Amino acid sequence: MAKNCVIIMVTCASREEARRIAGRLLEKRLVACANILPKIESRFWWKGKLDSAAELLVTMKTVRSNFKKIEAEIKRVHSYEVPEIIAVPIVSGSRDYLDWISRTVI
């Protein structure tokens, strides 16, 4: 079951945006859980120069097969020109929790 579960991460410019994205994906049952982590400092290259931003990080647990739908939903409502949308596999975890993720999403 772990090989089918992923954590999707997306950075957001505001708490409202993070809540809107998490809420939309939860309502559509594309993710089983979303965590909003406040106050991260991001440093990155953008348009040829170093930049930084105060952001929030949303982590969402789901199944790999939902990635394309989730990506499309995030791009529809995200304020960034190129939002960070990354999925990382869950290589191991509580069997009960991973089963819950799989049963919760559609």
Protein backbone atom coordinates (compact mmCIF):
# COMPACT_ATOMS: atom_id res chain seq x y z
CA MET A 1 0.00 0.00 0.00
CA ALA A 2 2.84 2.44 0.79
CA LYS A 3 4.01 2.45 -2.83
CA ASN A 4 0.67 3.97 -3.87
CA CYS A 5 0.65 6.75 -1.27
CA VAL A 6 2.39 10.09 -1.74
CA ILE A 7 2.81 13.40 0.02
CA ILE A 8 2.17 16.40 -2.21
CA MET A 9 3.78 19.68 -1.19
CA VAL A 10 2.80 23.14 -2.38
CA THR A 11 4.01 26.52 -1.13
CA CYS A 12 1.54 29.41 -0.85
CA ALA A 13 1.82 33.16 -0.44
CA SER A 14 -0.90 33.49 2.22
CA ARG A 15 -2.88 31.54 4.80
CA GLU A 16 -6.06 32.23 2.81
CA GLU A 17 -4.56 30.72 -0.34
CA ALA A 18 -3.28 27.68 1.58
CA ARG A 19 -6.71 27.13 3.16
CA ARG A 20 -8.49 27.60 -0.18
CA ILE A 21 -6.28 25.02 -1.91
CA ALA A 22 -6.46 22.52 0.97
CA GLY A 23 -10.22 22.96 1.30
CA ARG A 24 -10.87 22.54 -2.42
CA LEU A 25 -8.83 19.33 -2.61
CA LEU A 26 -10.39 17.92 0.56
CA GLU A 27 -13.93 18.70 -0.64
CA LYS A 28 -13.24 16.93 -3.92
CA ARG A 29 -11.77 14.00 -1.89
CA LEU A 30 -8.56 14.15 -3.91
CA VAL A 31 -6.53 14.25 -0.68
CA ALA A 32 -7.18 12.54 2.65
CA CYS A 33 -5.40 15.10 4.83
CA ALA A 34 -3.79 18.51 4.47
CA ASN A 35 -1.38 20.19 6.89
CA ILE A 36 -0.66 23.90 6.67
CA LEU A 37 2.75 24.82 8.05
CA PRO A 38 3.14 28.57 8.62
CA LYS A 39 6.11 30.88 8.43
CA ILE A 40 8.65 29.26 6.19
CA GLU A 41 11.37 31.26 4.51
CA SER A 42 11.96 30.27 0.91
CA ARG A 43 15.07 31.24 -1.02
CA PHE A 44 15.23 30.53 -4.74
CA TRP A 45 16.29 31.56 -8.21
CA TRP A 46 13.56 33.41 -10.14
CA LYS A 47 13.90 35.12 -13.52
CA GLY A 48 17.69 35.11 -13.38
CA LYS A 49 18.22 36.42 -9.86
CA LEU A 50 18.17 35.24 -6.27
CA ASP A 51 14.91 35.95 -4.48
CA SER A 52 13.21 35.09 -1.20
CA ALA A 53 9.68 34.98 0.15
CA ALA A 54 7.78 34.35 3.35
CA GLU A 55 5.47 31.45 2.55
CA LEU A 56 3.37 28.66 3.98
CA LEU A 57 3.79 25.00 3.09
CA VAL A 58 0.82 22.72 2.52
CA THR A 59 1.50 18.99 2.74
CA MET A 60 -1.23 16.65 1.54
CA LYS A 61 -1.55 12.88 1.75
CA THR A 62 -3.10 11.05 -1.18
CA VAL A 63 -2.55 8.29 -3.72
CA ARG A 64 -0.21 8.63 -6.67
CA SER A 65 -2.99 8.25 -9.26
CA ASN A 66 -4.58 11.54 -8.09
CA PHE A 67 -1.51 13.68 -8.85
CA LYS A 68 -2.59 15.02 -12.27
CA LYS A 69 -6.05 16.02 -10.98
CA ILE A 70 -4.52 17.69 -7.93
CA GLU A 71 -1.96 19.53 -10.05
CA ALA A 72 -4.72 20.86 -12.33
CA GLU A 73 -6.84 22.02 -9.37
CA ILE A 74 -3.89 23.81 -7.74
CA LYS A 75 -2.90 25.54 -10.98
CA ARG A 76 -6.51 26.69 -11.42
CA VAL A 77 -6.52 28.67 -8.15
CA HIS A 78 -2.88 29.35 -7.21
CA SER A 79 -1.55 32.90 -7.36
CA TYR A 80 1.97 31.95 -8.52
CA GLU A 81 3.02 31.89 -12.15
CA VAL A 82 4.86 28.61 -11.47
CA PRO A 83 3.60 27.04 -8.23
CA GLU A 84 5.67 24.41 -6.48
CA ILE A 85 3.73 21.14 -6.78
CA ILE A 86 5.87 18.18 -5.77
CA ALA A 87 4.93 14.61 -4.89
CA VAL A 88 7.21 12.39 -2.84
CA PRO A 89 6.53 8.71 -2.25
CA ILE A 90 5.75 7.39 1.19
CA VAL A 91 8.17 4.49 1.40
CA SER A 92 6.88 3.18 4.69
CA GLY A 93 4.24 4.00 7.27
CA SER A 94 1.59 2.68 9.59
CA ARG A 95 -0.48 0.16 7.65
CA ASP A 96 -3.65 1.49 9.28
CA TYR A 97 -2.84 5.07 8.26
CA LEU A 98 -1.90 4.18 4.68
CA ASP A 99 -5.08 2.11 4.33
CA TRP A 100 -7.07 5.09 5.64
CA ILE A 101 -5.54 7.36 2.96
CA SER A 102 -6.47 4.87 0.23
CA ARG A 103 -10.04 4.46 1.53
CA THR A 104 -10.61 8.20 2.00
CA VAL A 105 -9.71 9.56 -1.44
CA ILE A 106 -11.50 8.93 -4.71
